[in-house]
PDB file of all heavy atoms in Angstrom:
ATOM      1  N   SER A   1      24.790   4.330  10.197  1.00  0.00           N
ATOM      2  CA  SER A   1      25.212   5.473  11.020  1.00  0.00           C
ATOM      3  C   SER A   1      26.425   5.114  11.872  1.00  0.00           C
ATOM      4  O   SER A   1      27.337   5.933  12.059  1.00  0.00           O
ATOM      5  CB  SER A   1      24.062   5.913  11.934  1.00  0.00           C
ATOM      6  OG  SER A   1      22.939   6.299  11.181  1.00  0.00           O
ATOM      7  N   THR A   2      26.428   3.888  12.382  1.00  0.00           N
ATOM      8  CA  THR A   2      27.548   3.423  13.203  1.00  0.00           C
ATOM      9  C   THR A   2      28.843   3.428  12.405  1.00  0.00           C
ATOM     10  O   THR A   2      29.891   3.900  12.870  1.00  0.00           O
ATOM     11  CB  THR A   2      27.265   2.012  13.745  1.00  0.00           C
ATOM     12  OG1 THR A   2      26.046   2.036  14.507  1.00  0.00           O
ATOM     13  CG2 THR A   2      28.397   1.519  14.621  1.00  0.00           C
ATOM     14  N   MET A   3      28.779   2.906  11.192  1.00  0.00           N
ATOM     15  CA  MET A   3      29.971   2.884  10.341  1.00  0.00           C
ATOM     16  C   MET A   3      30.431   4.295   9.997  1.00  0.00           C
ATOM     17  O   MET A   3      31.638   4.574   9.963  1.00  0.00           O
ATOM     18  CB  MET A   3      29.688   2.080   9.067  1.00  0.00           C
ATOM     19  CG  MET A   3      29.486   0.598   9.318  1.00  0.00           C
ATOM     20  SD  MET A   3      29.455  -0.379   7.791  1.00  0.00           S
ATOM     21  CE  MET A   3      27.996   0.262   7.006  1.00  0.00           C
ATOM     22  N   ASP A   4      29.467   5.195   9.751  1.00  0.00           N
ATOM     23  CA  ASP A   4      29.817   6.583   9.434  1.00  0.00           C
ATOM     24  C   ASP A   4      30.584   7.229  10.585  1.00  0.00           C
ATOM     25  O   ASP A   4      31.586   7.923  10.374  1.00  0.00           O
ATOM     26  CB  ASP A   4      28.549   7.386   9.141  1.00  0.00           C
ATOM     27  CG  ASP A   4      27.968   7.093   7.770  1.00  0.00           C
ATOM     28  OD1 ASP A   4      28.692   6.507   6.947  1.00  0.00           O
ATOM     29  OD2 ASP A   4      26.806   7.431   7.529  1.00  0.00           O
ATOM     30  N   LEU A   5      30.107   7.013  11.826  1.00  0.00           N
ATOM     31  CA  LEU A   5      30.763   7.638  12.977  1.00  0.00           C
ATOM     32  C   LEU A   5      32.133   7.020  13.258  1.00  0.00           C
ATOM     33  O   LEU A   5      33.057   7.711  13.684  1.00  0.00           O
ATOM     34  CB  LEU A   5      29.866   7.534  14.209  1.00  0.00           C
ATOM     35  CG  LEU A   5      28.869   8.699  14.352  1.00  0.00           C
ATOM     36  CD1 LEU A   5      27.917   8.463  15.497  1.00  0.00           C
ATOM     37  CD2 LEU A   5      29.603  10.022  14.544  1.00  0.00           C
ATOM     38  N   ILE A   6      32.268   5.738  13.028  1.00  0.00           N
ATOM     39  CA  ILE A   6      33.586   5.109  13.166  1.00  0.00           C
ATOM     40  C   ILE A   6      34.569   5.770  12.201  1.00  0.00           C
ATOM     41  O   ILE A   6      35.697   6.121  12.569  1.00  0.00           O
ATOM     42  CB  ILE A   6      33.497   3.592  12.915  1.00  0.00           C
ATOM     43  CG1 ILE A   6      32.782   2.902  14.086  1.00  0.00           C
ATOM     44  CG2 ILE A   6      34.893   2.988  12.714  1.00  0.00           C
ATOM     45  CD1 ILE A   6      32.520   1.429  13.854  1.00  0.00           C
ATOM     46  N   LYS A   7      34.135   5.954  10.952  1.00  0.00           N
ATOM     47  CA  LYS A   7      34.981   6.619   9.958  1.00  0.00           C
ATOM     48  C   LYS A   7      35.275   8.058  10.368  1.00  0.00           C
ATOM     49  O   LYS A   7      36.408   8.537  10.240  1.00  0.00           O
ATOM     50  CB  LYS A   7      34.269   6.612   8.593  1.00  0.00           C
ATOM     51  CG  LYS A   7      34.163   5.264   7.936  1.00  0.00           C
ATOM     52  CD  LYS A   7      35.391   4.909   7.132  1.00  0.00           C
ATOM     53  CE  LYS A   7      35.526   5.749   5.902  1.00  0.00           C
ATOM     54  NZ  LYS A   7      36.673   5.328   5.053  1.00  0.00           N
ATOM     55  N   HIS A   8      34.247   8.740  10.867  1.00  0.00           N
ATOM     56  CA  HIS A   8      34.396  10.153  11.254  1.00  0.00           C
ATOM     57  C   HIS A   8      35.446  10.339  12.344  1.00  0.00           C
ATOM     58  O   HIS A   8      36.158  11.354  12.358  1.00  0.00           O
ATOM     59  CB  HIS A   8      33.045  10.692  11.736  1.00  0.00           C
ATOM     60  CG  HIS A   8      33.081  12.124  12.159  1.00  0.00           C
ATOM     61  ND1 HIS A   8      33.243  13.168  11.269  1.00  0.00           N
ATOM     62  CD2 HIS A   8      32.994  12.696  13.397  1.00  0.00           C
ATOM     63  CE1 HIS A   8      33.249  14.314  11.928  1.00  0.00           C
ATOM     64  NE2 HIS A   8      33.099  14.070  13.216  1.00  0.00           N
ATOM     65  N   HIS A   9      35.549   9.352  13.226  1.00  0.00           N
ATOM     66  CA  HIS A   9      36.499   9.467  14.341  1.00  0.00           C
ATOM     67  C   HIS A   9      37.823   8.748  14.063  1.00  0.00           C
ATOM     68  O   HIS A   9      38.590   8.476  14.987  1.00  0.00           O
ATOM     69  CB  HIS A   9      35.859   8.948  15.621  1.00  0.00           C
ATOM     70  CG  HIS A   9      34.760   9.835  16.133  1.00  0.00           C
ATOM     71  ND1 HIS A   9      34.993  11.063  16.709  1.00  0.00           N
ATOM     72  CD2 HIS A   9      33.407   9.688  16.112  1.00  0.00           C
ATOM     73  CE1 HIS A   9      33.846  11.628  17.035  1.00  0.00           C
ATOM     74  NE2 HIS A   9      32.861  10.822  16.680  1.00  0.00           N
ATOM     75  N   GLY A  10      38.073   8.450  12.793  1.00  0.00           N
ATOM     76  CA  GLY A  10      39.384   7.952  12.395  1.00  0.00           C
ATOM     77  C   GLY A  10      39.524   6.456  12.311  1.00  0.00           C
ATOM     78  O   GLY A  10      40.632   5.947  12.086  1.00  0.00           O
ATOM     79  N   GLY A  11      38.440   5.708  12.465  1.00  0.00           N
ATOM     80  CA  GLY A  11      38.503   4.256  12.367  1.00  0.00           C
ATOM     81  C   GLY A  11      38.019   3.751  11.022  1.00  0.00           C
ATOM     82  O   GLY A  11      37.565   4.526  10.175  1.00  0.00           O
ATOM     83  N   GLU A  12      38.114   2.439  10.827  1.00  0.00           N
ATOM     84  CA  GLU A  12      37.660   1.816   9.587  1.00  0.00           C
ATOM     85  C   GLU A  12      36.797   0.603   9.936  1.00  0.00           C
ATOM     86  O   GLU A  12      37.278  -0.359  10.544  1.00  0.00           O
ATOM     87  CB  GLU A  12      38.848   1.363   8.724  1.00  0.00           C
ATOM     88  CG  GLU A  12      39.651   2.495   8.113  1.00  0.00           C
ATOM     89  CD  GLU A  12      38.867   3.238   7.032  1.00  0.00           C
ATOM     90  OE1 GLU A  12      37.930   2.637   6.464  1.00  0.00           O
ATOM     91  OE2 GLU A  12      39.198   4.412   6.761  1.00  0.00           O
ATOM     92  N   PRO A  13      35.513   0.618   9.579  1.00  0.00           N
ATOM     93  CA  PRO A  13      34.646  -0.530   9.875  1.00  0.00           C
ATOM     94  C   PRO A  13      35.060  -1.774   9.089  1.00  0.00           C
ATOM     95  O   PRO A  13      35.436  -1.684   7.924  1.00  0.00           O
ATOM     96  CB  PRO A  13      33.255  -0.044   9.456  1.00  0.00           C
ATOM     97  CG  PRO A  13      33.499   1.071   8.498  1.00  0.00           C
ATOM     98  CD  PRO A  13      34.786   1.710   8.915  1.00  0.00           C
ATOM     99  N   ALA A  14      35.001  -2.916   9.759  1.00  0.00           N
ATOM    100  CA  ALA A  14      35.376  -4.184   9.125  1.00  0.00           C
ATOM    101  C   ALA A  14      34.188  -4.875   8.484  1.00  0.00           C
ATOM    102  O   ALA A  14      34.359  -5.836   7.732  1.00  0.00           O
ATOM    103  CB  ALA A  14      36.012  -5.118  10.157  1.00  0.00           C
ATOM    104  N   ASN A  15      32.991  -4.399   8.816  1.00  0.00           N
ATOM    105  CA  ASN A  15      31.810  -5.064   8.281  1.00  0.00           C
ATOM    106  C   ASN A  15      30.555  -4.225   8.495  1.00  0.00           C
ATOM    107  O   ASN A  15      30.531  -3.306   9.305  1.00  0.00           O
ATOM    108  CB  ASN A  15      31.603  -6.425   8.949  1.00  0.00           C
ATOM    109  CG  ASN A  15      31.341  -6.296  10.439  1.00  0.00           C
ATOM    110  OD1 ASN A  15      32.274  -6.292  11.240  1.00  0.00           O
ATOM    111  ND2 ASN A  15      30.083  -6.155  10.822  1.00  0.00           N
ATOM    112  N   PHE A  16      29.527  -4.575   7.746  1.00  0.00           N
ATOM    113  CA  PHE A  16      28.155  -4.169   8.038  1.00  0.00           C
ATOM    114  C   PHE A  16      27.479  -5.421   8.573  1.00  0.00           C
ATOM    115  O   PHE A  16      27.505  -6.473   7.916  1.00  0.00           O
ATOM    116  CB  PHE A  16      27.468  -3.695   6.745  1.00  0.00           C
ATOM    117  CG  PHE A  16      25.963  -3.561   6.848  1.00  0.00           C
ATOM    118  CD1 PHE A  16      25.385  -2.338   7.088  1.00  0.00           C
ATOM    119  CD2 PHE A  16      25.133  -4.665   6.693  1.00  0.00           C
ATOM    120  CE1 PHE A  16      24.008  -2.202   7.182  1.00  0.00           C
ATOM    121  CE2 PHE A  16      23.759  -4.546   6.780  1.00  0.00           C
ATOM    122  CZ  PHE A  16      23.194  -3.318   7.023  1.00  0.00           C
ATOM    123  N   LEU A  17      26.884  -5.343   9.768  1.00  0.00           N
ATOM    124  CA  LEU A  17      26.185  -6.501  10.307  1.00  0.00           C
ATOM    125  C   LEU A  17      24.945  -6.049  11.070  1.00  0.00           C
ATOM    126  O   LEU A  17      25.042  -5.355  12.077  1.00  0.00           O
ATOM    127  CB  LEU A  17      27.082  -7.344  11.220  1.00  0.00           C
ATOM    128  CG  LEU A  17      26.554  -8.771  11.485  1.00  0.00           C
ATOM    129  CD1 LEU A  17      27.699  -9.712  11.835  1.00  0.00           C
ATOM    130  CD2 LEU A  17      25.510  -8.803  12.586  1.00  0.00           C
ATOM    131  N   ASP A  18      23.791  -6.445  10.546  1.00  0.00           N
ATOM    132  CA  ASP A  18      22.499  -6.122  11.151  1.00  0.00           C
ATOM    133  C   ASP A  18      21.890  -7.412  11.697  1.00  0.00           C
ATOM    134  O   ASP A  18      21.585  -8.330  10.929  1.00  0.00           O
ATOM    135  CB  ASP A  18      21.589  -5.484  10.094  1.00  0.00           C
ATOM    136  CG  ASP A  18      20.164  -5.286  10.580  1.00  0.00           C
ATOM    137  OD1 ASP A  18      19.953  -5.301  11.810  1.00  0.00           O
ATOM    138  OD2 ASP A  18      19.271  -5.119   9.727  1.00  0.00           O
ATOM    139  N   VAL A  19      21.725  -7.477  13.035  1.00  0.00           N
ATOM    140  CA  VAL A  19      21.141  -8.679  13.642  1.00  0.00           C
ATOM    141  C   VAL A  19      19.626  -8.606  13.690  1.00  0.00           C
ATOM    142  O   VAL A  19      18.968  -9.559  14.114  1.00  0.00           O
ATOM    143  CB  VAL A  19      21.684  -8.920  15.076  1.00  0.00           C
ATOM    144  CG1 VAL A  19      23.163  -9.208  15.046  1.00  0.00           C
ATOM    145  CG2 VAL A  19      21.362  -7.733  15.979  1.00  0.00           C
ATOM    146  N   GLY A  20      19.043  -7.482  13.249  1.00  0.00           N
ATOM    147  CA  GLY A  20      17.594  -7.364  13.223  1.00  0.00           C
ATOM    148  C   GLY A  20      17.003  -7.008  14.574  1.00  0.00           C
ATOM    149  O   GLY A  20      17.697  -6.881  15.575  1.00  0.00           O
ATOM    150  N   GLY A  21      15.692  -6.864  14.591  1.00  0.00           N
ATOM    151  CA  GLY A  21      15.018  -6.420  15.801  1.00  0.00           C
ATOM    152  C   GLY A  21      14.708  -7.521  16.785  1.00  0.00           C
ATOM    153  O   GLY A  21      14.333  -7.258  17.938  1.00  0.00           O
ATOM    154  N   GLY A  22      14.847  -8.782  16.393  1.00  0.00           N
ATOM    155  CA  GLY A  22      14.498  -9.887  17.293  1.00  0.00           C
ATOM    156  C   GLY A  22      15.665 -10.799  17.574  1.00  0.00           C
ATOM    157  O   GLY A  22      15.522 -12.026  17.594  1.00  0.00           O
ATOM    158  N   ALA A  23      16.830 -10.228  17.775  1.00  0.00           N
ATOM    159  CA  ALA A  23      18.052 -11.026  17.966  1.00  0.00           C
ATOM    160  C   ALA A  23      17.957 -11.910  19.201  1.00  0.00           C
ATOM    161  O   ALA A  23      17.543 -11.460  20.269  1.00  0.00           O
ATOM    162  CB  ALA A  23      19.250 -10.100  18.077  1.00  0.00           C
ATOM    163  N   ASN A  24      18.365 -13.185  19.061  1.00  0.00           N
ATOM    164  CA  ASN A  24      18.417 -14.101  20.193  1.00  0.00           C
ATOM    165  C   ASN A  24      19.855 -14.514  20.452  1.00  0.00           C
ATOM    166  O   ASN A  24      20.780 -14.075  19.765  1.00  0.00           O
ATOM    167  CB  ASN A  24      17.526 -15.327  19.937  1.00  0.00           C
ATOM    168  CG  ASN A  24      17.885 -16.032  18.629  1.00  0.00           C
ATOM    169  OD1 ASN A  24      19.057 -16.148  18.285  1.00  0.00           O
ATOM    170  ND2 ASN A  24      16.877 -16.497  17.906  1.00  0.00           N
ATOM    171  N   VAL A  25      20.050 -15.388  21.440  1.00  0.00           N
ATOM    172  CA  VAL A  25      21.404 -15.796  21.826  1.00  0.00           C
ATOM    173  C   VAL A  25      22.141 -16.428  20.656  1.00  0.00           C
ATOM    174  O   VAL A  25      23.311 -16.115  20.382  1.00  0.00           O
ATOM    175  CB  VAL A  25      21.351 -16.779  23.014  1.00  0.00           C
ATOM    176  CG1 VAL A  25      22.751 -17.309  23.321  1.00  0.00           C
ATOM    177  CG2 VAL A  25      20.773 -16.097  24.245  1.00  0.00           C
ATOM    178  N   ASP A  26      21.469 -17.317  19.953  1.00  0.00           N
ATOM    179  CA  ASP A  26      22.123 -18.013  18.840  1.00  0.00           C
ATOM    180  C   ASP A  26      22.547 -17.049  17.745  1.00  0.00           C
ATOM    181  O   ASP A  26      23.642 -17.177  17.174  1.00  0.00           O
ATOM    182  CB  ASP A  26      21.182 -19.081  18.257  1.00  0.00           C
ATOM    183  CG  ASP A  26      20.979 -20.252  19.206  1.00  0.00           C
ATOM    184  OD1 ASP A  26      21.847 -20.461  20.079  1.00  0.00           O
ATOM    185  OD2 ASP A  26      19.956 -20.950  19.080  1.00  0.00           O
ATOM    186  N   GLN A  27      21.683 -16.079  17.436  1.00  0.00           N
ATOM    187  CA  GLN A  27      22.018 -15.114  16.392  1.00  0.00           C
ATOM    188  C   GLN A  27      23.175 -14.211  16.816  1.00  0.00           C
ATOM    189  O   GLN A  27      24.082 -13.943  16.024  1.00  0.00           O
ATOM    190  CB  GLN A  27      20.795 -14.261  16.042  1.00  0.00           C
ATOM    191  CG  GLN A  27      19.772 -14.981  15.181  1.00  0.00           C
ATOM    192  CD  GLN A  27      18.614 -14.077  14.825  1.00  0.00           C
ATOM    193  OE1 GLN A  27      17.994 -13.487  15.706  1.00  0.00           O
ATOM    194  NE2 GLN A  27      18.309 -13.957  13.548  1.00  0.00           N
ATOM    195  N   VAL A  28      23.138 -13.744  18.049  1.00  0.00           N
ATOM    196  CA  VAL A  28      24.222 -12.887  18.538  1.00  0.00           C
ATOM    197  C   VAL A  28      25.532 -13.665  18.587  1.00  0.00           C
ATOM    198  O   VAL A  28      26.596 -13.153  18.227  1.00  0.00           O
ATOM    199  CB  VAL A  28      23.879 -12.296  19.919  1.00  0.00           C
ATOM    200  CG1 VAL A  28      25.065 -11.506  20.480  1.00  0.00           C
ATOM    201  CG2 VAL A  28      22.661 -11.386  19.829  1.00  0.00           C
ATOM    202  N   SER A  29      25.472 -14.926  19.018  1.00  0.00           N
ATOM    203  CA  SER A  29      26.674 -15.769  19.059  1.00  0.00           C
ATOM    204  C   SER A  29      27.240 -15.964  17.663  1.00  0.00           C
ATOM    205  O   SER A  29      28.456 -15.858  17.443  1.00  0.00           O
ATOM    206  CB  SER A  29      26.346 -17.139  19.674  1.00  0.00           C
ATOM    207  OG  SER A  29      25.950 -17.007  21.014  1.00  0.00           O
ATOM    208  N   GLU A  30      26.365 -16.241  16.708  1.00  0.00           N
ATOM    209  CA  GLU A  30      26.817 -16.430  15.332  1.00  0.00           C
ATOM    210  C   GLU A  30      27.385 -15.128  14.770  1.00  0.00           C
ATOM    211  O   GLU A  30      28.384 -15.140  14.044  1.00  0.00           O
ATOM    212  CB  GLU A  30      25.661 -16.926  14.459  1.00  0.00           C
ATOM    213  CG  GLU A  30      26.024 -17.209  13.010  1.00  0.00           C
ATOM    214  CD  GLU A  30      27.014 -18.350  12.841  1.00  0.00           C
ATOM    215  OE1 GLU A  30      27.283 -19.071  13.818  1.00  0.00           O
ATOM    216  OE2 GLU A  30      27.527 -18.522  11.716  1.00  0.00           O
ATOM    217  N   ALA A  31      26.764 -14.010  15.127  1.00  0.00           N
ATOM    218  CA  ALA A  31      27.268 -12.711  14.672  1.00  0.00           C
ATOM    219  C   ALA A  31      28.680 -12.467  15.197  1.00  0.00           C
ATOM    220  O   ALA A  31      29.573 -12.047  14.445  1.00  0.00           O
ATOM    221  CB  ALA A  31      26.328 -11.595  15.136  1.00  0.00           C
ATOM    222  N   PHE A  32      28.899 -12.739  16.488  1.00  0.00           N
ATOM    223  CA  PHE A  32      30.240 -12.591  17.066  1.00  0.00           C
ATOM    224  C   PHE A  32      31.235 -13.541  16.393  1.00  0.00           C
ATOM    225  O   PHE A  32      32.371 -13.167  16.101  1.00  0.00           O
ATOM    226  CB  PHE A  32      30.206 -12.868  18.567  1.00  0.00           C
ATOM    227  CG  PHE A  32      29.754 -11.704  19.399  1.00  0.00           C
ATOM    228  CD1 PHE A  32      29.020 -11.903  20.561  1.00  0.00           C
ATOM    229  CD2 PHE A  32      30.067 -10.408  19.045  1.00  0.00           C
ATOM    230  CE1 PHE A  32      28.606 -10.833  21.344  1.00  0.00           C
ATOM    231  CE2 PHE A  32      29.666  -9.326  19.816  1.00  0.00           C
ATOM    232  CZ  PHE A  32      28.926  -9.542  20.966  1.00  0.00           C
ATOM    233  N   ARG A  33      30.796 -14.771  16.163  1.00  0.00           N
ATOM    234  CA  ARG A  33      31.697 -15.759  15.553  1.00  0.00           C
ATOM    235  C   ARG A  33      32.135 -15.298  14.166  1.00  0.00           C
ATOM    236  O   ARG A  33      33.315 -15.388  13.803  1.00  0.00           O
ATOM    237  CB  ARG A  33      30.992 -17.116  15.451  1.00  0.00           C
ATOM    238  CG  ARG A  33      31.914 -18.248  15.004  1.00  0.00           C
ATOM    239  CD  ARG A  33      31.151 -19.487  14.601  1.00  0.00           C
ATOM    240  NE  ARG A  33      30.351 -19.254  13.400  1.00  0.00           N
ATOM    241  CZ  ARG A  33      30.869 -19.221  12.188  1.00  0.00           C
ATOM    242  NH1 ARG A  33      32.174 -19.377  11.993  1.00  0.00           N
ATOM    243  NH2 ARG A  33      30.089 -19.024  11.139  1.00  0.00           N
ATOM    244  N   ILE A  34      31.188 -14.779  13.392  1.00  0.00           N
ATOM    245  CA  ILE A  34      31.499 -14.302  12.042  1.00  0.00           C
ATOM    246  C   ILE A  34      32.445 -13.108  12.093  1.00  0.00           C
ATOM    247  O   ILE A  34      33.423 -13.035  11.342  1.00  0.00           O
ATOM    248  CB  ILE A  34      30.197 -13.937  11.297  1.00  0.00           C
ATOM    249  CG1 ILE A  34      29.395 -15.209  10.994  1.00  0.00           C
ATOM    250  CG2 ILE A  34      30.498 -13.180  10.011  1.00  0.00           C
ATOM    251  CD1 ILE A  34      27.989 -14.949  10.492  1.00  0.00           C
ATOM    252  N   ILE A  35      32.167 -12.171  12.989  1.00  0.00           N
ATOM    253  CA  ILE A  35      33.016 -10.978  13.107  1.00  0.00           C
ATOM    254  C   ILE A  35      34.431 -11.358  13.520  1.00  0.00           C
ATOM    255  O   ILE A  35      35.421 -10.899  12.928  1.00  0.00           O
ATOM    256  CB  ILE A  35      32.414  -9.993  14.125  1.00  0.00           C
ATOM    257  CG1 ILE A  35      31.124  -9.375  13.575  1.00  0.00           C
ATOM    258  CG2 ILE A  35      33.417  -8.887  14.468  1.00  0.00           C
ATOM    259  CD1 ILE A  35      30.366  -8.539  14.586  1.00  0.00           C
ATOM    260  N   LEU A  36      34.560 -12.225  14.537  1.00  0.00           N
ATOM    261  CA  LEU A  36      35.876 -12.560  15.078  1.00  0.00           C
ATOM    262  C   LEU A  36      36.657 -13.510  14.179  1.00  0.00           C
ATOM    263  O   LEU A  36      37.865 -13.675  14.333  1.00  0.00           O
ATOM    264  CB  LEU A  36      35.720 -13.170  16.475  1.00  0.00           C
ATOM    265  CG  LEU A  36      35.148 -12.210  17.532  1.00  0.00           C
ATOM    266  CD1 LEU A  36      34.898 -12.942  18.837  1.00  0.00           C
ATOM    267  CD2 LEU A  36      36.080 -11.025  17.747  1.00  0.00           C
ATOM    268  N   ALA A  37      35.971 -14.148  13.230  1.00  0.00           N
ATOM    269  CA  ALA A  37      36.666 -15.021  12.279  1.00  0.00           C
ATOM    270  C   ALA A  37      37.484 -14.212  11.278  1.00  0.00           C
ATOM    271  O   ALA A  37      38.367 -14.754  10.599  1.00  0.00           O
ATOM    272  CB  ALA A  37      35.656 -15.907  11.540  1.00  0.00           C
ATOM    273  N   ASP A  38      37.198 -12.924  11.199  1.00  0.00           N
ATOM    274  CA  ASP A  38      37.954 -12.029  10.325  1.00  0.00           C
ATOM    275  C   ASP A  38      39.235 -11.612  11.050  1.00  0.00           C
ATOM    276  O   ASP A  38      39.184 -10.896  12.056  1.00  0.00           O
ATOM    277  CB  ASP A  38      37.095 -10.811   9.984  1.00  0.00           C
ATOM    278  CG  ASP A  38      37.777  -9.846   9.020  1.00  0.00           C
ATOM    279  OD1 ASP A  38      38.974 -10.049   8.709  1.00  0.00           O
ATOM    280  OD2 ASP A  38      37.116  -8.891   8.576  1.00  0.00           O
ATOM    281  N   ASP A  39      40.365 -12.039  10.540  1.00  0.00           N
ATOM    282  CA  ASP A  39      41.647 -11.749  11.190  1.00  0.00           C
ATOM    283  C   ASP A  39      41.958 -10.258  11.248  1.00  0.00           C
ATOM    284  O   ASP A  39      42.812  -9.831  12.040  1.00  0.00           O
ATOM    285  CB  ASP A  39      42.780 -12.483  10.461  1.00  0.00           C
ATOM    286  CG  ASP A  39      42.689 -13.994  10.627  1.00  0.00           C
ATOM    287  OD1 ASP A  39      42.097 -14.446  11.623  1.00  0.00           O
ATOM    288  OD2 ASP A  39      43.194 -14.717   9.742  1.00  0.00           O
ATOM    289  N   ASN A  40      41.298  -9.468  10.406  1.00  0.00           N
ATOM    290  CA  ASN A  40      41.553  -8.026  10.401  1.00  0.00           C
ATOM    291  C   ASN A  40      40.919  -7.313  11.590  1.00  0.00           C
ATOM    292  O   ASN A  40      41.301  -6.187  11.915  1.00  0.00           O
ATOM    293  CB  ASN A  40      41.016  -7.401   9.104  1.00  0.00           C
ATOM    294  CG  ASN A  40      41.789  -7.840   7.881  1.00  0.00           C
ATOM    295  OD1 ASN A  40      42.974  -8.135   7.966  1.00  0.00           O
ATOM    296  ND2 ASN A  40      41.123  -7.903   6.742  1.00  0.00           N
ATOM    297  N   VAL A  41      39.942  -7.957  12.234  1.00  0.00           N
ATOM    298  CA  VAL A  41      39.202  -7.304  13.319  1.00  0.00           C
ATOM    299  C   VAL A  41      40.066  -7.211  14.571  1.00  0.00           C
ATOM    300  O   VAL A  41      40.515  -8.219  15.112  1.00  0.00           O
ATOM    301  CB  VAL A  41      37.892  -8.062  13.625  1.00  0.00           C
ATOM    302  CG1 VAL A  41      37.235  -7.516  14.892  1.00  0.00           C
ATOM    303  CG2 VAL A  41      36.935  -7.944  12.443  1.00  0.00           C
TER     304      VAL A  41
END
């Protein structure tokens, strides 16, 4: 749904990323690291 709304408002999603229902600090940190490693973001 998040990606759909980004597209609807004129943006382009760079990824699909689901951290799940029990996200902890390490998982969120790794998620950010993976997202920011993409130069297109």
